[in-house]
């Protein structure tokens, strides 16, 4: 893969589009408890 990046397949994503991100800076997950 380019630059050693991990490639993830996302069904339903738009064609002819590739998203690149830094997993250490892009997103925060917020959860209210675990599996309820």
ModelCIF file with pLDDT and N, C-alpha, C, O atoms, coordinates in Angstrom:
data_MODEL
#
_entry.id   MODEL 
#
_entity.id                         1 
_entity.type                       polymer 
_entity.pdbx_number_of_molecules   1 
#
_entity_poly.entity_id                      1 
_entity_poly.type                           'polypeptide(L)' 
_entity_poly.nstd_linkage                   no 
_entity_poly.nstd_monomer                   no 
_entity_poly.pdbx_seq_one_letter_code       
;(UNK)(UNK)(UNK)(UNK)(UNK)(UNK)(UNK)(UNK)(UNK)(UNK)(UNK)(UNK)(UNK)(UNK)(UNK)(UNK)
(UNK)(UNK)(UNK)(UNK)(UNK)(UNK)(UNK)(UNK)(UNK)(UNK)(UNK)(UNK)(UNK)(UNK)(UNK)(UNK)
(UNK)(UNK)(UNK)(UNK)
;
_entity_poly.pdbx_seq_one_letter_code_can   XXXXXXXXXXXXXXXXXXXXXXXXXXXXXXXXXXXX 
_entity_poly.pdbx_strand_id                 A 
#
loop_
_entity_poly_seq.entity_id 
_entity_poly_seq.num 
_entity_poly_seq.mon_id 
_entity_poly_seq.hetero 
1 1  UNK n 
1 2  UNK n 
1 3  UNK n 
1 4  UNK n 
1 5  UNK n 
1 6  UNK n 
1 7  UNK n 
1 8  UNK n 
1 9  UNK n 
1 10 UNK n 
1 11 UNK n 
1 12 UNK n 
1 13 UNK n 
1 14 UNK n 
1 15 UNK n 
1 16 UNK n 
1 17 UNK n 
1 18 UNK n 
1 19 UNK n 
1 20 UNK n 
1 21 UNK n 
1 22 UNK n 
1 23 UNK n 
1 24 UNK n 
1 25 UNK n 
1 26 UNK n 
1 27 UNK n 
1 28 UNK n 
1 29 UNK n 
1 30 UNK n 
1 31 UNK n 
1 32 UNK n 
1 33 UNK n 
1 34 UNK n 
1 35 UNK n 
1 36 UNK n 
#
_struct_asym.id          A 
_struct_asym.entity_id   1 
#
loop_
_ma_qa_metric.id 
_ma_qa_metric.mode 
_ma_qa_metric.name 
_ma_qa_metric.software_group_id 
_ma_qa_metric.type 
1 global pLDDT . pLDDT 
2 local  pLDDT . pLDDT 
#
_ma_qa_metric_global.metric_id      1 
_ma_qa_metric_global.metric_value   89.19 
_ma_qa_metric_global.model_id       1 
_ma_qa_metric_global.ordinal_id     1 
#
loop_
_ma_qa_metric_local.label_asym_id 
_ma_qa_metric_local.label_comp_id 
_ma_qa_metric_local.label_seq_id 
_ma_qa_metric_local.metric_id 
_ma_qa_metric_local.metric_value 
_ma_qa_metric_local.model_id 
_ma_qa_metric_local.ordinal_id 
A UNK 1  2 65.00 1 1  
A UNK 2  2 69.00 1 2  
A UNK 3  2 75.00 1 3  
A UNK 4  2 81.00 1 4  
A UNK 5  2 90.00 1 5  
A UNK 6  2 90.00 1 6  
A UNK 7  2 89.00 1 7  
A UNK 8  2 92.00 1 8  
A UNK 9  2 90.00 1 9  
A UNK 10 2 91.00 1 10 
A UNK 11 2 86.00 1 11 
A UNK 12 2 81.00 1 12 
A UNK 13 2 84.00 1 13 
A UNK 14 2 86.00 1 14 
A UNK 15 2 89.00 1 15 
A UNK 16 2 91.00 1 16 
A UNK 17 2 94.00 1 17 
A UNK 18 2 95.00 1 18 
A UNK 19 2 96.00 1 19 
A UNK 20 2 96.00 1 20 
A UNK 21 2 96.00 1 21 
A UNK 22 2 97.00 1 22 
A UNK 23 2 96.00 1 23 
A UNK 24 2 96.00 1 24 
A UNK 25 2 93.00 1 25 
A UNK 26 2 93.00 1 26 
A UNK 27 2 95.00 1 27 
A UNK 28 2 95.00 1 28 
A UNK 29 2 96.00 1 29 
A UNK 30 2 95.00 1 30 
A UNK 31 2 93.00 1 31 
A UNK 32 2 89.00 1 32 
A UNK 33 2 83.00 1 33 
A UNK 34 2 86.00 1 34 
A UNK 35 2 90.00 1 35 
A UNK 36 2 88.00 1 36 
#
loop_
_atom_site.group_PDB 
_atom_site.id 
_atom_site.type_symbol 
_atom_site.label_atom_id 
_atom_site.label_alt_id 
_atom_site.label_comp_id 
_atom_site.label_asym_id 
_atom_site.label_entity_id 
_atom_site.label_seq_id 
_atom_site.pdbx_PDB_ins_code 
_atom_site.Cartn_x 
_atom_site.Cartn_y 
_atom_site.Cartn_z 
_atom_site.occupancy 
_atom_site.B_iso_or_equiv 
_atom_site.pdbx_formal_charge 
_atom_site.auth_seq_id 
_atom_site.auth_comp_id 
_atom_site.auth_asym_id 
_atom_site.auth_atom_id 
_atom_site.pdbx_PDB_model_num 
ATOM 1   N N  . UNK A 1 1  ? 0.821   -1.203 0.000  1.00 65.00 ? 1  UNK A N  1 
ATOM 2   C CA . UNK A 1 1  ? 0.000   0.000  0.000  1.00 65.00 ? 1  UNK A CA 1 
ATOM 3   C C  . UNK A 1 1  ? 0.855   1.252  0.000  1.00 65.00 ? 1  UNK A C  1 
ATOM 4   O O  . UNK A 1 1  ? 2.020   1.210  0.394  1.00 65.00 ? 1  UNK A O  1 
ATOM 5   N N  . UNK A 1 2  ? 0.288   2.364  -0.437 1.00 69.00 ? 2  UNK A N  1 
ATOM 6   C CA . UNK A 1 2  ? 1.046   3.616  -0.456 1.00 69.00 ? 2  UNK A CA 1 
ATOM 7   C C  . UNK A 1 2  ? 1.525   3.996  0.938  1.00 69.00 ? 2  UNK A C  1 
ATOM 8   O O  . UNK A 1 2  ? 0.726   4.108  1.868  1.00 69.00 ? 2  UNK A O  1 
ATOM 9   N N  . UNK A 1 3  ? 2.821   4.192  1.076  1.00 75.00 ? 3  UNK A N  1 
ATOM 10  C CA . UNK A 1 3  ? 3.412   4.741  2.297  1.00 75.00 ? 3  UNK A CA 1 
ATOM 11  C C  . UNK A 1 3  ? 3.177   3.850  3.515  1.00 75.00 ? 3  UNK A C  1 
ATOM 12  O O  . UNK A 1 3  ? 3.253   4.325  4.648  1.00 75.00 ? 3  UNK A O  1 
ATOM 13  N N  . UNK A 1 4  ? 2.893   2.570  3.296  1.00 81.00 ? 4  UNK A N  1 
ATOM 14  C CA . UNK A 1 4  ? 2.675   1.645  4.400  1.00 81.00 ? 4  UNK A CA 1 
ATOM 15  C C  . UNK A 1 4  ? 1.349   1.822  5.106  1.00 81.00 ? 4  UNK A C  1 
ATOM 16  O O  . UNK A 1 4  ? 1.147   1.270  6.187  1.00 81.00 ? 4  UNK A O  1 
ATOM 17  N N  . UNK A 1 5  ? 0.440   2.581  4.516  1.00 90.00 ? 5  UNK A N  1 
ATOM 18  C CA . UNK A 1 5  ? -0.861  2.827  5.146  1.00 90.00 ? 5  UNK A CA 1 
ATOM 19  C C  . UNK A 1 5  ? -1.718  1.559  5.114  1.00 90.00 ? 5  UNK A C  1 
ATOM 20  O O  . UNK A 1 5  ? -1.608  0.752  4.192  1.00 90.00 ? 5  UNK A O  1 
ATOM 21  N N  . UNK A 1 6  ? -2.559  1.395  6.115  1.00 90.00 ? 6  UNK A N  1 
ATOM 22  C CA . UNK A 1 6  ? -3.498  0.287  6.136  1.00 90.00 ? 6  UNK A CA 1 
ATOM 23  C C  . UNK A 1 6  ? -4.697  0.638  5.270  1.00 90.00 ? 6  UNK A C  1 
ATOM 24  O O  . UNK A 1 6  ? -5.224  1.748  5.347  1.00 90.00 ? 6  UNK A O  1 
ATOM 25  N N  . UNK A 1 7  ? -5.123  -0.307 4.450  1.00 89.00 ? 7  UNK A N  1 
ATOM 26  C CA . UNK A 1 7  ? -6.229  -0.064 3.525  1.00 89.00 ? 7  UNK A CA 1 
ATOM 27  C C  . UNK A 1 7  ? -7.482  -0.738 4.057  1.00 89.00 ? 7  UNK A C  1 
ATOM 28  O O  . UNK A 1 7  ? -7.467  -1.931 4.359  1.00 89.00 ? 7  UNK A O  1 
ATOM 29  N N  . UNK A 1 8  ? -8.575  0.023  4.174  1.00 92.00 ? 8  UNK A N  1 
ATOM 30  C CA . UNK A 1 8  ? -9.850  -0.495 4.671  1.00 92.00 ? 8  UNK A CA 1 
ATOM 31  C C  . UNK A 1 8  ? -10.908 -0.395 3.579  1.00 92.00 ? 8  UNK A C  1 
ATOM 32  O O  . UNK A 1 8  ? -11.045 0.632  2.913  1.00 92.00 ? 8  UNK A O  1 
ATOM 33  N N  . UNK A 1 9  ? -11.644 -1.473 3.413  1.00 90.00 ? 9  UNK A N  1 
ATOM 34  C CA . UNK A 1 9  ? -12.733 -1.491 2.427  1.00 90.00 ? 9  UNK A CA 1 
ATOM 35  C C  . UNK A 1 9  ? -14.020 -1.039 3.097  1.00 90.00 ? 9  UNK A C  1 
ATOM 36  O O  . UNK A 1 9  ? -14.383 -1.537 4.163  1.00 90.00 ? 9  UNK A O  1 
ATOM 37  N N  . UNK A 1 10 ? -14.703 -0.101 2.472  1.00 91.00 ? 10 UNK A N  1 
ATOM 38  C CA . UNK A 1 10 ? -15.950 0.417  3.023  1.00 91.00 ? 10 UNK A CA 1 
ATOM 39  C C  . UNK A 1 10 ? -17.061 0.261  1.996  1.00 91.00 ? 10 UNK A C  1 
ATOM 40  O O  . UNK A 1 10 ? -17.162 1.052  1.058  1.00 91.00 ? 10 UNK A O  1 
ATOM 41  N N  . UNK A 1 11 ? -17.888 -0.752 2.172  1.00 86.00 ? 11 UNK A N  1 
ATOM 42  C CA . UNK A 1 11 ? -19.012 -0.964 1.269  1.00 86.00 ? 11 UNK A CA 1 
ATOM 43  C C  . UNK A 1 11 ? -19.986 0.201  1.392  1.00 86.00 ? 11 UNK A C  1 
ATOM 44  O O  . UNK A 1 11 ? -20.277 0.666  2.494  1.00 86.00 ? 11 UNK A O  1 
ATOM 45  N N  . UNK A 1 12 ? -20.478 0.657  0.271  1.00 81.00 ? 12 UNK A N  1 
ATOM 46  C CA . UNK A 1 12 ? -21.413 1.771  0.282  1.00 81.00 ? 12 UNK A CA 1 
ATOM 47  C C  . UNK A 1 12 ? -20.761 3.124  0.158  1.00 81.00 ? 12 UNK A C  1 
ATOM 48  O O  . UNK A 1 12 ? -21.458 4.130  0.021  1.00 81.00 ? 12 UNK A O  1 
ATOM 49  N N  . UNK A 1 13 ? -19.434 3.183  0.202  1.00 84.00 ? 13 UNK A N  1 
ATOM 50  C CA . UNK A 1 13 ? -18.749 4.466  0.023  1.00 84.00 ? 13 UNK A CA 1 
ATOM 51  C C  . UNK A 1 13 ? -18.854 4.898  -1.432 1.00 84.00 ? 13 UNK A C  1 
ATOM 52  O O  . UNK A 1 13 ? -19.083 4.077  -2.319 1.00 84.00 ? 13 UNK A O  1 
ATOM 53  N N  . UNK A 1 14 ? -18.686 6.183  -1.665 1.00 86.00 ? 14 UNK A N  1 
ATOM 54  C CA . UNK A 1 14 ? -18.774 6.712  -3.019 1.00 86.00 ? 14 UNK A CA 1 
ATOM 55  C C  . UNK A 1 14 ? -17.647 6.161  -3.890 1.00 86.00 ? 14 UNK A C  1 
ATOM 56  O O  . UNK A 1 14 ? -16.518 5.988  -3.430 1.00 86.00 ? 14 UNK A O  1 
ATOM 57  N N  . UNK A 1 15 ? -17.970 5.889  -5.150 1.00 89.00 ? 15 UNK A N  1 
ATOM 58  C CA . UNK A 1 15 ? -16.946 5.437  -6.085 1.00 89.00 ? 15 UNK A CA 1 
ATOM 59  C C  . UNK A 1 15 ? -15.981 6.575  -6.389 1.00 89.00 ? 15 UNK A C  1 
ATOM 60  O O  . UNK A 1 15 ? -16.299 7.751  -6.213 1.00 89.00 ? 15 UNK A O  1 
ATOM 61  N N  . UNK A 1 16 ? -14.790 6.191  -6.852 1.00 91.00 ? 16 UNK A N  1 
ATOM 62  C CA . UNK A 1 16 ? -13.764 7.148  -7.289 1.00 91.00 ? 16 UNK A CA 1 
ATOM 63  C C  . UNK A 1 16 ? -13.419 8.173  -6.207 1.00 91.00 ? 16 UNK A C  1 
ATOM 64  O O  . UNK A 1 16 ? -13.229 9.360  -6.470 1.00 91.00 ? 16 UNK A O  1 
ATOM 65  N N  . UNK A 1 17 ? -13.348 7.662  -4.988 1.00 94.00 ? 17 UNK A N  1 
ATOM 66  C CA . UNK A 1 17 ? -12.963 8.519  -3.871 1.00 94.00 ? 17 UNK A CA 1 
ATOM 67  C C  . UNK A 1 17 ? -12.164 7.703  -2.863 1.00 94.00 ? 17 UNK A C  1 
ATOM 68  O O  . UNK A 1 17 ? -12.557 6.591  -2.507 1.00 94.00 ? 17 UNK A O  1 
ATOM 69  N N  . UNK A 1 18 ? -11.053 8.250  -2.408 1.00 95.00 ? 18 UNK A N  1 
ATOM 70  C CA . UNK A 1 18 ? -10.211 7.595  -1.419 1.00 95.00 ? 18 UNK A CA 1 
ATOM 71  C C  . UNK A 1 18 ? -9.967  8.578  -0.274 1.00 95.00 ? 18 UNK A C  1 
ATOM 72  O O  . UNK A 1 18 ? -9.556  9.716  -0.500 1.00 95.00 ? 18 UNK A O  1 
ATOM 73  N N  . UNK A 1 19 ? -10.218 8.134  0.935  1.00 96.00 ? 19 UNK A N  1 
ATOM 74  C CA . UNK A 1 19 ? -10.015 8.972  2.117  1.00 96.00 ? 19 UNK A CA 1 
ATOM 75  C C  . UNK A 1 19 ? -8.717  8.548  2.800  1.00 96.00 ? 19 UNK A C  1 
ATOM 76  O O  . UNK A 1 19 ? -8.501  7.365  3.063  1.00 96.00 ? 19 UNK A O  1 
ATOM 77  N N  . UNK A 1 20 ? -7.869  9.514  3.081  1.00 96.00 ? 20 UNK A N  1 
ATOM 78  C CA . UNK A 1 20 ? -6.639  9.265  3.829  1.00 96.00 ? 20 UNK A CA 1 
ATOM 79  C C  . UNK A 1 20 ? -6.737  9.988  5.163  1.00 96.00 ? 20 UNK A C  1 
ATOM 80  O O  . UNK A 1 20 ? -7.222  11.117 5.226  1.00 96.00 ? 20 UNK A O  1 
ATOM 81  N N  . UNK A 1 21 ? -6.279  9.340  6.233  1.00 96.00 ? 21 UNK A N  1 
ATOM 82  C CA . UNK A 1 21 ? -6.324  9.988  7.543  1.00 96.00 ? 21 UNK A CA 1 
ATOM 83  C C  . UNK A 1 21 ? -5.190  9.506  8.423  1.00 96.00 ? 21 UNK A C  1 
ATOM 84  O O  . UNK A 1 21 ? -4.560  8.481  8.160  1.00 96.00 ? 21 UNK A O  1 
ATOM 85  N N  . UNK A 1 22 ? -4.947  10.266 9.471  1.00 97.00 ? 22 UNK A N  1 
ATOM 86  C CA . UNK A 1 22 ? -4.006  9.890  10.516 1.00 97.00 ? 22 UNK A CA 1 
ATOM 87  C C  . UNK A 1 22 ? -4.842  9.395  11.692 1.00 97.00 ? 22 UNK A C  1 
ATOM 88  O O  . UNK A 1 22 ? -5.510  10.187 12.356 1.00 97.00 ? 22 UNK A O  1 
ATOM 89  N N  . UNK A 1 23 ? -4.810  8.091  11.952 1.00 96.00 ? 23 UNK A N  1 
ATOM 90  C CA . UNK A 1 23 ? -5.667  7.516  12.991 1.00 96.00 ? 23 UNK A CA 1 
ATOM 91  C C  . UNK A 1 23 ? -5.330  8.059  14.379 1.00 96.00 ? 23 UNK A C  1 
ATOM 92  O O  . UNK A 1 23 ? -6.135  7.930  15.302 1.00 96.00 ? 23 UNK A O  1 
ATOM 93  N N  . UNK A 1 24 ? -4.173  8.651  14.534 1.00 96.00 ? 24 UNK A N  1 
ATOM 94  C CA . UNK A 1 24 ? -3.754  9.170  15.836 1.00 96.00 ? 24 UNK A CA 1 
ATOM 95  C C  . UNK A 1 24 ? -4.215  10.599 16.086 1.00 96.00 ? 24 UNK A C  1 
ATOM 96  O O  . UNK A 1 24 ? -3.908  11.170 17.132 1.00 96.00 ? 24 UNK A O  1 
ATOM 97  N N  . UNK A 1 25 ? -4.951  11.188 15.138 1.00 93.00 ? 25 UNK A N  1 
ATOM 98  C CA . UNK A 1 25 ? -5.339  12.589 15.300 1.00 93.00 ? 25 UNK A CA 1 
ATOM 99  C C  . UNK A 1 25 ? -6.721  12.925 14.763 1.00 93.00 ? 25 UNK A C  1 
ATOM 100 O O  . UNK A 1 25 ? -7.213  14.027 15.006 1.00 93.00 ? 25 UNK A O  1 
ATOM 101 N N  . UNK A 1 26 ? -7.359  12.022 14.047 1.00 93.00 ? 26 UNK A N  1 
ATOM 102 C CA . UNK A 1 26 ? -8.562  12.392 13.302 1.00 93.00 ? 26 UNK A CA 1 
ATOM 103 C C  . UNK A 1 26 ? -9.854  12.338 14.104 1.00 93.00 ? 26 UNK A C  1 
ATOM 104 O O  . UNK A 1 26 ? -10.627 13.296 14.082 1.00 93.00 ? 26 UNK A O  1 
ATOM 105 N N  . UNK A 1 27 ? -10.110 11.236 14.816 1.00 95.00 ? 27 UNK A N  1 
ATOM 106 C CA . UNK A 1 27 ? -11.439 11.013 15.367 1.00 95.00 ? 27 UNK A CA 1 
ATOM 107 C C  . UNK A 1 27 ? -11.416 10.586 16.832 1.00 95.00 ? 27 UNK A C  1 
ATOM 108 O O  . UNK A 1 27 ? -10.490 9.924  17.300 1.00 95.00 ? 27 UNK A O  1 
ATOM 109 N N  . UNK A 1 28 ? -12.470 10.989 17.534 1.00 95.00 ? 28 UNK A N  1 
ATOM 110 C CA . UNK A 1 28 ? -12.723 10.548 18.905 1.00 95.00 ? 28 UNK A CA 1 
ATOM 111 C C  . UNK A 1 28 ? -14.016 9.739  18.917 1.00 95.00 ? 28 UNK A C  1 
ATOM 112 O O  . UNK A 1 28 ? -15.016 10.136 18.318 1.00 95.00 ? 28 UNK A O  1 
ATOM 113 N N  . UNK A 1 29 ? -13.982 8.609  19.601 1.00 96.00 ? 29 UNK A N  1 
ATOM 114 C CA . UNK A 1 29 ? -15.195 7.817  19.806 1.00 96.00 ? 29 UNK A CA 1 
ATOM 115 C C  . UNK A 1 29 ? -15.727 8.108  21.201 1.00 96.00 ? 29 UNK A C  1 
ATOM 116 O O  . UNK A 1 29 ? -14.974 8.093  22.174 1.00 96.00 ? 29 UNK A O  1 
ATOM 117 N N  . UNK A 1 30 ? -17.013 8.370  21.295 1.00 95.00 ? 30 UNK A N  1 
ATOM 118 C CA . UNK A 1 30 ? -17.668 8.634  22.578 1.00 95.00 ? 30 UNK A CA 1 
ATOM 119 C C  . UNK A 1 30 ? -18.707 7.544  22.799 1.00 95.00 ? 30 UNK A C  1 
ATOM 120 O O  . UNK A 1 30 ? -19.529 7.283  21.921 1.00 95.00 ? 30 UNK A O  1 
ATOM 121 N N  . UNK A 1 31 ? -18.677 6.908  23.964 1.00 93.00 ? 31 UNK A N  1 
ATOM 122 C CA . UNK A 1 31 ? -19.657 5.857  24.223 1.00 93.00 ? 31 UNK A CA 1 
ATOM 123 C C  . UNK A 1 31 ? -20.222 5.966  25.635 1.00 93.00 ? 31 UNK A C  1 
ATOM 124 O O  . UNK A 1 31 ? -19.513 6.279  26.591 1.00 93.00 ? 31 UNK A O  1 
ATOM 125 N N  . UNK A 1 32 ? -21.516 5.700  25.732 1.00 89.00 ? 32 UNK A N  1 
ATOM 126 C CA . UNK A 1 32 ? -22.197 5.692  27.022 1.00 89.00 ? 32 UNK A CA 1 
ATOM 127 C C  . UNK A 1 32 ? -22.361 4.240  27.439 1.00 89.00 ? 32 UNK A C  1 
ATOM 128 O O  . UNK A 1 32 ? -23.374 3.608  27.140 1.00 89.00 ? 32 UNK A O  1 
ATOM 129 N N  . UNK A 1 33 ? -21.349 3.714  28.138 1.00 83.00 ? 33 UNK A N  1 
ATOM 130 C CA . UNK A 1 33 ? -21.354 2.314  28.517 1.00 83.00 ? 33 UNK A CA 1 
ATOM 131 C C  . UNK A 1 33 ? -20.925 1.427  27.361 1.00 83.00 ? 33 UNK A C  1 
ATOM 132 O O  . UNK A 1 33 ? -20.618 1.915  26.274 1.00 83.00 ? 33 UNK A O  1 
ATOM 133 N N  . UNK A 1 34 ? -20.905 0.132  27.600 1.00 86.00 ? 34 UNK A N  1 
ATOM 134 C CA . UNK A 1 34 ? -20.527 -0.823 26.562 1.00 86.00 ? 34 UNK A CA 1 
ATOM 135 C C  . UNK A 1 34 ? -21.753 -1.429 25.919 1.00 86.00 ? 34 UNK A C  1 
ATOM 136 O O  . UNK A 1 34 ? -22.692 -0.715 25.567 1.00 86.00 ? 34 UNK A O  1 
ATOM 137 N N  . UNK A 1 35 ? -21.751 -2.745 25.764 1.00 90.00 ? 35 UNK A N  1 
ATOM 138 C CA . UNK A 1 35 ? -22.918 -3.454 25.248 1.00 90.00 ? 35 UNK A CA 1 
ATOM 139 C C  . UNK A 1 35 ? -23.963 -3.531 26.357 1.00 90.00 ? 35 UNK A C  1 
ATOM 140 O O  . UNK A 1 35 ? -23.683 -4.039 27.443 1.00 90.00 ? 35 UNK A O  1 
ATOM 141 N N  . UNK A 1 36 ? -25.162 -3.029 26.084 1.00 88.00 ? 36 UNK A N  1 
ATOM 142 C CA . UNK A 1 36 ? -26.228 -2.976 27.081 1.00 88.00 ? 36 UNK A CA 1 
ATOM 143 C C  . UNK A 1 36 ? -27.301 -4.012 26.765 1.00 88.00 ? 36 UNK A C  1 
ATOM 144 O O  . UNK A 1 36 ? -28.287 -4.123 27.494 1.00 88.00 ? 36 UNK A O  1 
#
